[in-house]
């Protein structure tokens, strides 16, 4: 399993693109209404319980617009639990800065906090089983979304196609069998620490086990099949389960003896958190 944090370059690029997308040639409403441009404070508040993620990126949005922006109240850190109506941070800057940066900053904070919050809920439901994310991420935002998963207590699966071997159904069809696909990977020495194979039935589980893989993924199997697979594997390989996961399903699988549950919905279907920013 692999993980990394967003670099300054990635953060700056995200902010630049997001501000350009939102402001474009200028904020016609703000630029029309403001006769002068006094310094004001705005309070950022969680409208629902959440796990925070993205607070440093949030700050950098305003600092990019106005380097003199201040944050007079020490903010909580990523990974912190925020109660409903809890104050997250105070931003002090010119009115124009607050108005122009508000939506971009909140969009990032709400999205990443939504992922972190769902990650925490799944981790708590899974018990001893580890929660993994997948590559089902928003294009261009993978490093941020996978970082949010970790802020919620989950773990990252492979970052991309380049850092781990995962033999899936179409690879197996292309090679002709699990055995042949694994043999070809071994021949190329493309192990990158482990070889994982996706399986859909017990016969494929047995074949993957015979091929000596490190992790066997049970894809879209019923609980009965998963329990049979756990007995068959008998700890000779680690077991990952995937397919249509939610909190109830994760709780059900937490005591089956598997090692990992991968949840694509963590990054492709999560609800953004409700966070407000209002002038004080």
Protein backbone atom coordinates (compact mmCIF):
# COMPACT_ATOMS: atom_id res chain seq x y z
CA UNK A 1 0.00 0.00 0.00
CA UNK A 2 1.34 3.42 -0.94
CA UNK A 3 0.70 6.95 0.29
CA UNK A 4 2.04 10.48 -0.03
CA UNK A 5 0.96 13.99 0.84
CA UNK A 6 0.24 16.74 -1.70
CA UNK A 7 3.32 18.78 -2.58
CA UNK A 8 3.43 22.58 -2.50
CA UNK A 9 3.57 22.54 -6.29
CA UNK A 10 0.41 20.42 -6.51
CA UNK A 11 -1.41 22.62 -4.00
CA UNK A 12 -0.44 25.82 -5.79
CA UNK A 13 -1.50 24.41 -9.14
CA UNK A 14 -4.87 23.32 -7.76
CA UNK A 15 -5.51 26.75 -6.24
CA UNK A 16 -4.43 28.62 -9.36
CA UNK A 17 -6.73 26.56 -11.58
CA UNK A 18 -9.66 26.79 -9.17
CA UNK A 19 -9.39 30.56 -8.77
CA UNK A 20 -9.04 31.08 -12.50
CA UNK A 21 -12.10 28.92 -13.05
CA UNK A 22 -14.17 30.93 -10.56
CA UNK A 23 -12.90 34.50 -10.90
CA UNK A 24 -11.85 34.56 -14.54
CA UNK A 25 -11.46 38.18 -15.67
CA UNK A 26 -12.87 39.48 -12.37
CA UNK A 27 -15.62 39.29 -9.76
CA UNK A 28 -18.15 41.59 -11.39
CA UNK A 29 -20.48 41.62 -8.36
CA UNK A 30 -17.86 42.40 -5.73
CA UNK A 31 -16.01 44.89 -7.92
CA UNK A 32 -19.29 46.73 -8.53
CA UNK A 33 -20.55 46.83 -4.95
CA UNK A 34 -17.44 47.68 -2.94
CA UNK A 35 -16.91 51.45 -2.79
CA UNK A 36 -13.96 50.99 -0.48
CA UNK A 37 -12.29 47.76 0.63
CA UNK A 38 -12.04 47.56 4.42
CA UNK A 39 -10.47 44.69 6.32
CA UNK A 40 -13.07 42.34 7.78
CA UNK A 41 -13.18 39.03 9.61
CA UNK A 42 -15.15 35.98 8.51
CA UNK A 43 -15.94 32.96 10.66
CA UNK A 44 -15.89 29.47 9.13
CA UNK A 45 -18.32 27.07 10.80
CA UNK A 46 -19.14 23.38 10.47
CA UNK A 47 -22.88 23.00 9.89
CA UNK A 48 -22.71 19.26 10.65
CA UNK A 49 -20.32 16.95 12.54
CA UNK A 50 -17.26 16.14 10.46
CA UNK A 51 -13.62 15.14 10.24
CA UNK A 52 -11.66 18.12 8.94
CA UNK A 53 -9.39 17.92 5.92
CA UNK A 54 -7.85 20.62 3.74
CA UNK A 55 -7.44 23.46 6.23
CA UNK A 56 -3.94 24.43 5.07
CA UNK A 57 -5.09 24.49 1.45
CA UNK A 58 -8.05 26.61 2.54
CA UNK A 59 -5.66 29.15 4.07
CA UNK A 60 -3.45 29.24 0.99
CA UNK A 61 -6.40 30.23 -1.22
CA UNK A 62 -6.71 33.54 0.68
CA UNK A 63 -2.96 34.00 1.03
CA UNK A 64 -2.64 33.72 -2.75
CA UNK A 65 -5.19 36.52 -3.19
CA UNK A 66 -3.77 38.61 -0.35
CA UNK A 67 -0.44 37.64 1.25
CA UNK A 68 -1.31 39.80 4.30
CA UNK A 69 -4.32 37.62 5.16
CA UNK A 70 -4.37 36.69 8.84
CA UNK A 71 -5.92 33.84 10.77
CA UNK A 72 -6.29 35.32 14.27
CA UNK A 73 -7.68 32.17 15.82
CA UNK A 74 -5.52 29.08 15.81
CA UNK A 75 -7.28 26.62 13.56
CA UNK A 76 -7.64 22.93 14.22
CA UNK A 77 -5.58 20.52 12.15
CA UNK A 78 -6.54 18.04 9.48
CA UNK A 79 -7.97 14.87 11.00
CA UNK A 80 -9.65 16.71 13.87
CA UNK A 81 -13.27 15.96 14.73
CA UNK A 82 -15.44 19.10 14.49
CA UNK A 83 -18.89 19.15 16.17
CA UNK A 84 -22.00 20.58 14.56
CA UNK A 85 -21.84 24.40 14.65
CA UNK A 86 -18.21 24.17 15.71
CA UNK A 87 -15.97 27.07 14.72
CA UNK A 88 -13.17 26.00 12.40
CA UNK A 89 -11.20 29.15 11.67
CA UNK A 90 -11.41 32.94 11.44
CA UNK A 91 -10.10 34.68 8.32
CA UNK A 92 -9.07 38.35 8.44
CA UNK A 93 -8.53 40.11 5.10
CA UNK A 94 -9.92 42.76 2.81
CA UNK A 95 -13.60 42.33 1.92
CA UNK A 96 -12.73 41.69 -1.72
CA UNK A 97 -10.33 38.90 -0.76
CA UNK A 98 -12.88 37.20 1.48
CA UNK A 99 -15.60 37.41 -1.19
CA UNK A 100 -13.43 36.28 -4.08
CA UNK A 101 -11.78 33.38 -2.26
CA UNK A 102 -14.77 32.10 -0.31
CA UNK A 103 -16.25 29.62 -2.79
CA UNK A 104 -12.96 28.16 -3.99
CA UNK A 105 -11.67 27.71 -0.44
CA UNK A 106 -14.93 26.19 0.81
CA UNK A 107 -15.28 23.85 -2.18
CA UNK A 108 -11.89 22.31 -1.41
CA UNK A 109 -12.48 22.12 2.34
CA UNK A 110 -15.99 20.66 1.97
CA UNK A 111 -14.94 18.01 -0.55
CA UNK A 112 -11.89 16.78 1.32
CA UNK A 113 -13.68 16.88 4.69
CA UNK A 114 -16.48 14.80 3.19
CA UNK A 115 -14.01 12.11 2.19
CA UNK A 116 -12.24 12.21 5.57
CA UNK A 117 -15.56 11.98 7.41
CA UNK A 118 -16.77 8.97 5.46
CA UNK A 119 -13.37 7.35 5.83
CA UNK A 120 -13.60 7.70 9.62
CA UNK A 121 -17.10 6.20 9.69
CA UNK A 122 -16.01 3.22 7.60
CA UNK A 123 -12.87 2.67 9.70
CA UNK A 124 -14.95 2.62 12.88
CA UNK A 125 -17.43 0.20 11.32
CA UNK A 126 -14.73 -2.12 9.98
CA UNK A 127 -13.14 -2.85 13.35
CA UNK A 128 -9.90 -4.76 12.84
CA UNK A 129 -10.27 -4.79 9.04
CA UNK A 130 -8.38 -2.01 7.24
CA UNK A 131 -10.27 0.34 4.92
CA UNK A 132 -8.61 1.09 1.56
CA UNK A 133 -9.42 3.59 -1.15
CA UNK A 134 -9.23 2.87 -4.91
CA UNK A 135 -8.25 4.63 -8.14
CA UNK A 136 -11.87 5.79 -8.61
CA UNK A 137 -10.93 9.39 -7.92
CA UNK A 138 -11.76 12.77 -9.45
CA UNK A 139 -9.33 13.28 -12.38
CA UNK A 140 -6.52 15.58 -11.30
CA UNK A 141 -7.43 15.42 -7.60
CA UNK A 142 -6.19 11.94 -6.68
CA UNK A 143 -3.37 13.02 -4.38
CA UNK A 144 -5.75 15.28 -2.44
CA UNK A 145 -8.55 12.73 -2.18
CA UNK A 146 -6.22 9.95 -1.09
CA UNK A 147 -4.72 12.30 1.50
CA UNK A 148 -8.26 12.93 2.81
CA UNK A 149 -8.81 9.18 3.18
CA UNK A 150 -5.77 8.98 5.44
CA UNK A 151 -6.94 11.98 7.48
CA UNK A 152 -10.05 9.93 8.27
CA UNK A 153 -8.01 6.89 9.32
CA UNK A 154 -8.23 4.88 6.10
CA UNK A 155 -5.26 3.62 4.09
CA UNK A 156 -4.24 4.14 0.49
CA UNK A 157 -4.20 1.31 -2.02
CA UNK A 158 -1.84 1.79 -4.97
CA UNK A 159 -1.63 5.39 -6.14
CA UNK A 160 -1.68 4.53 -9.84
CA UNK A 161 -0.87 1.86 -12.37
CA UNK A 162 2.86 2.35 -11.84
CA UNK A 163 3.43 1.48 -8.18
CA UNK A 164 1.85 -1.94 -7.59
CA UNK A 165 0.71 -5.02 -9.47
CA UNK A 166 -3.02 -5.70 -9.44
CA UNK A 167 -4.12 -8.35 -11.94
CA UNK A 168 -7.77 -7.71 -12.77
CA UNK A 169 -10.36 -9.56 -14.83
CA UNK A 170 -9.34 -8.10 -18.20
CA UNK A 171 -5.67 -8.82 -17.51
CA UNK A 172 -6.64 -12.43 -16.84
CA UNK A 173 -8.63 -12.61 -20.08
CA UNK A 174 -5.73 -11.10 -21.99
CA UNK A 175 -3.24 -13.61 -20.53
CA UNK A 176 -5.61 -16.59 -20.70
CA UNK A 177 -5.58 -17.48 -16.99
CA UNK A 178 -4.60 -16.28 -13.54
CA UNK A 179 -1.66 -18.68 -13.54
CA UNK A 180 -0.30 -17.33 -16.80
CA UNK A 181 -0.84 -13.69 -15.82
CA UNK A 182 1.05 -14.16 -12.55
CA UNK A 183 3.84 -16.05 -14.34
CA UNK A 184 4.28 -13.19 -16.81
CA UNK A 185 4.47 -10.65 -14.00
CA UNK A 186 7.02 -12.75 -12.13
CA UNK A 187 9.10 -13.13 -15.28
CA UNK A 188 9.28 -9.37 -15.68
CA UNK A 189 10.11 -8.94 -11.97
CA UNK A 190 7.31 -6.40 -11.69
CA UNK A 191 6.38 -7.32 -8.13
CA UNK A 192 6.75 -3.85 -6.55
CA UNK A 193 6.53 -5.54 -3.14
CA UNK A 194 3.47 -7.68 -3.77
CA UNK A 195 1.25 -9.22 -6.43
CA UNK A 196 -2.50 -8.97 -6.05
CA UNK A 197 -5.12 -10.81 -8.12
CA UNK A 198 -8.82 -10.08 -8.48
CA UNK A 199 -11.10 -13.12 -8.21
CA UNK A 200 -14.84 -13.60 -8.60
CA UNK A 201 -15.36 -17.21 -7.45
CA UNK A 202 -13.75 -19.91 -5.31
CA UNK A 203 -12.09 -21.68 -8.24
CA UNK A 204 -10.25 -18.48 -9.07
CA UNK A 205 -9.32 -18.06 -5.42
CA UNK A 206 -7.74 -21.52 -5.42
CA UNK A 207 -5.88 -20.80 -8.65
CA UNK A 208 -4.54 -17.49 -7.30
CA UNK A 209 -3.45 -19.25 -4.11
CA UNK A 210 -1.64 -21.92 -6.11
CA UNK A 211 0.11 -19.19 -8.10
CA UNK A 212 1.57 -17.85 -4.87
CA UNK A 213 0.11 -14.34 -4.94
CA UNK A 214 0.40 -12.05 -1.93
CA UNK A 215 -3.12 -10.59 -1.88
CA UNK A 216 -6.34 -12.10 -3.20
CA UNK A 217 -9.16 -9.69 -3.95
CA UNK A 218 -12.68 -11.09 -3.60
CA UNK A 219 -14.76 -8.98 -5.96
CA UNK A 220 -18.52 -8.73 -5.52
CA UNK A 221 -18.81 -12.00 -3.61
CA UNK A 222 -21.61 -12.83 -1.19
CA UNK A 223 -20.77 -13.14 2.49
CA UNK A 224 -21.10 -16.94 2.37
CA UNK A 225 -18.53 -17.12 -0.45
CA UNK A 226 -16.22 -14.75 1.40
CA UNK A 227 -16.27 -16.96 4.51
CA UNK A 228 -15.51 -20.03 2.37
CA UNK A 229 -12.65 -18.16 0.69
CA UNK A 230 -11.19 -17.21 4.08
CA UNK A 231 -11.15 -20.88 5.07
CA UNK A 232 -9.61 -21.89 1.75
CA UNK A 233 -6.85 -19.28 1.89
CA UNK A 234 -6.13 -20.11 5.55
CA UNK A 235 -3.85 -17.08 5.96
CA UNK A 236 -1.55 -18.18 3.12
CA UNK A 237 -2.28 -14.80 1.51
CA UNK A 238 -3.96 -11.59 2.60
CA UNK A 239 -7.55 -11.05 1.54
CA UNK A 240 -9.15 -7.89 0.21
CA UNK A 241 -12.88 -7.58 -0.40
CA UNK A 242 -14.43 -5.08 -2.82
CA UNK A 243 -17.72 -4.28 -4.50
CA UNK A 244 -20.73 -2.11 -3.54
CA UNK A 245 -19.57 -1.25 -0.05
CA UNK A 246 -21.48 0.82 2.50
CA UNK A 247 -21.45 1.11 6.30
CA UNK A 248 -23.86 -1.77 6.84
CA UNK A 249 -21.93 -4.07 4.52
CA UNK A 250 -18.61 -3.14 6.11
CA UNK A 251 -19.97 -3.96 9.59
CA UNK A 252 -21.16 -7.32 8.31
CA UNK A 253 -17.73 -8.18 6.90
CA UNK A 254 -15.70 -6.92 9.86
CA UNK A 255 -15.73 -10.31 11.62
CA UNK A 256 -15.16 -12.61 8.64
CA UNK A 257 -11.37 -12.81 8.96
CA UNK A 258 -10.48 -10.72 5.91
CA UNK A 259 -7.66 -8.16 5.95
CA UNK A 260 -8.86 -5.27 3.79
CA UNK A 261 -12.04 -3.73 2.40
CA UNK A 262 -11.61 -1.40 -0.57
CA UNK A 263 -14.30 1.24 -1.05
CA UNK A 264 -14.55 3.08 -4.37
CA UNK A 265 -17.41 5.21 -3.06
CA UNK A 266 -14.97 6.86 -0.65
CA UNK A 267 -13.77 9.06 -3.50
CA UNK A 268 -16.30 8.74 -6.31
CA UNK A 269 -19.62 9.19 -4.47
CA UNK A 270 -18.93 10.92 -1.17
CA UNK A 271 -21.06 13.85 0.02
CA UNK A 272 -19.28 17.14 0.63
CA UNK A 273 -19.63 18.53 4.14
CA UNK A 274 -21.77 21.58 4.86
CA UNK A 275 -19.44 24.42 5.90
CA UNK A 276 -20.33 28.12 6.02
CA UNK A 277 -18.26 31.30 5.99
CA UNK A 278 -19.88 34.48 7.25
CA UNK A 279 -18.67 37.98 8.06
CA UNK A 280 -18.56 38.56 11.81
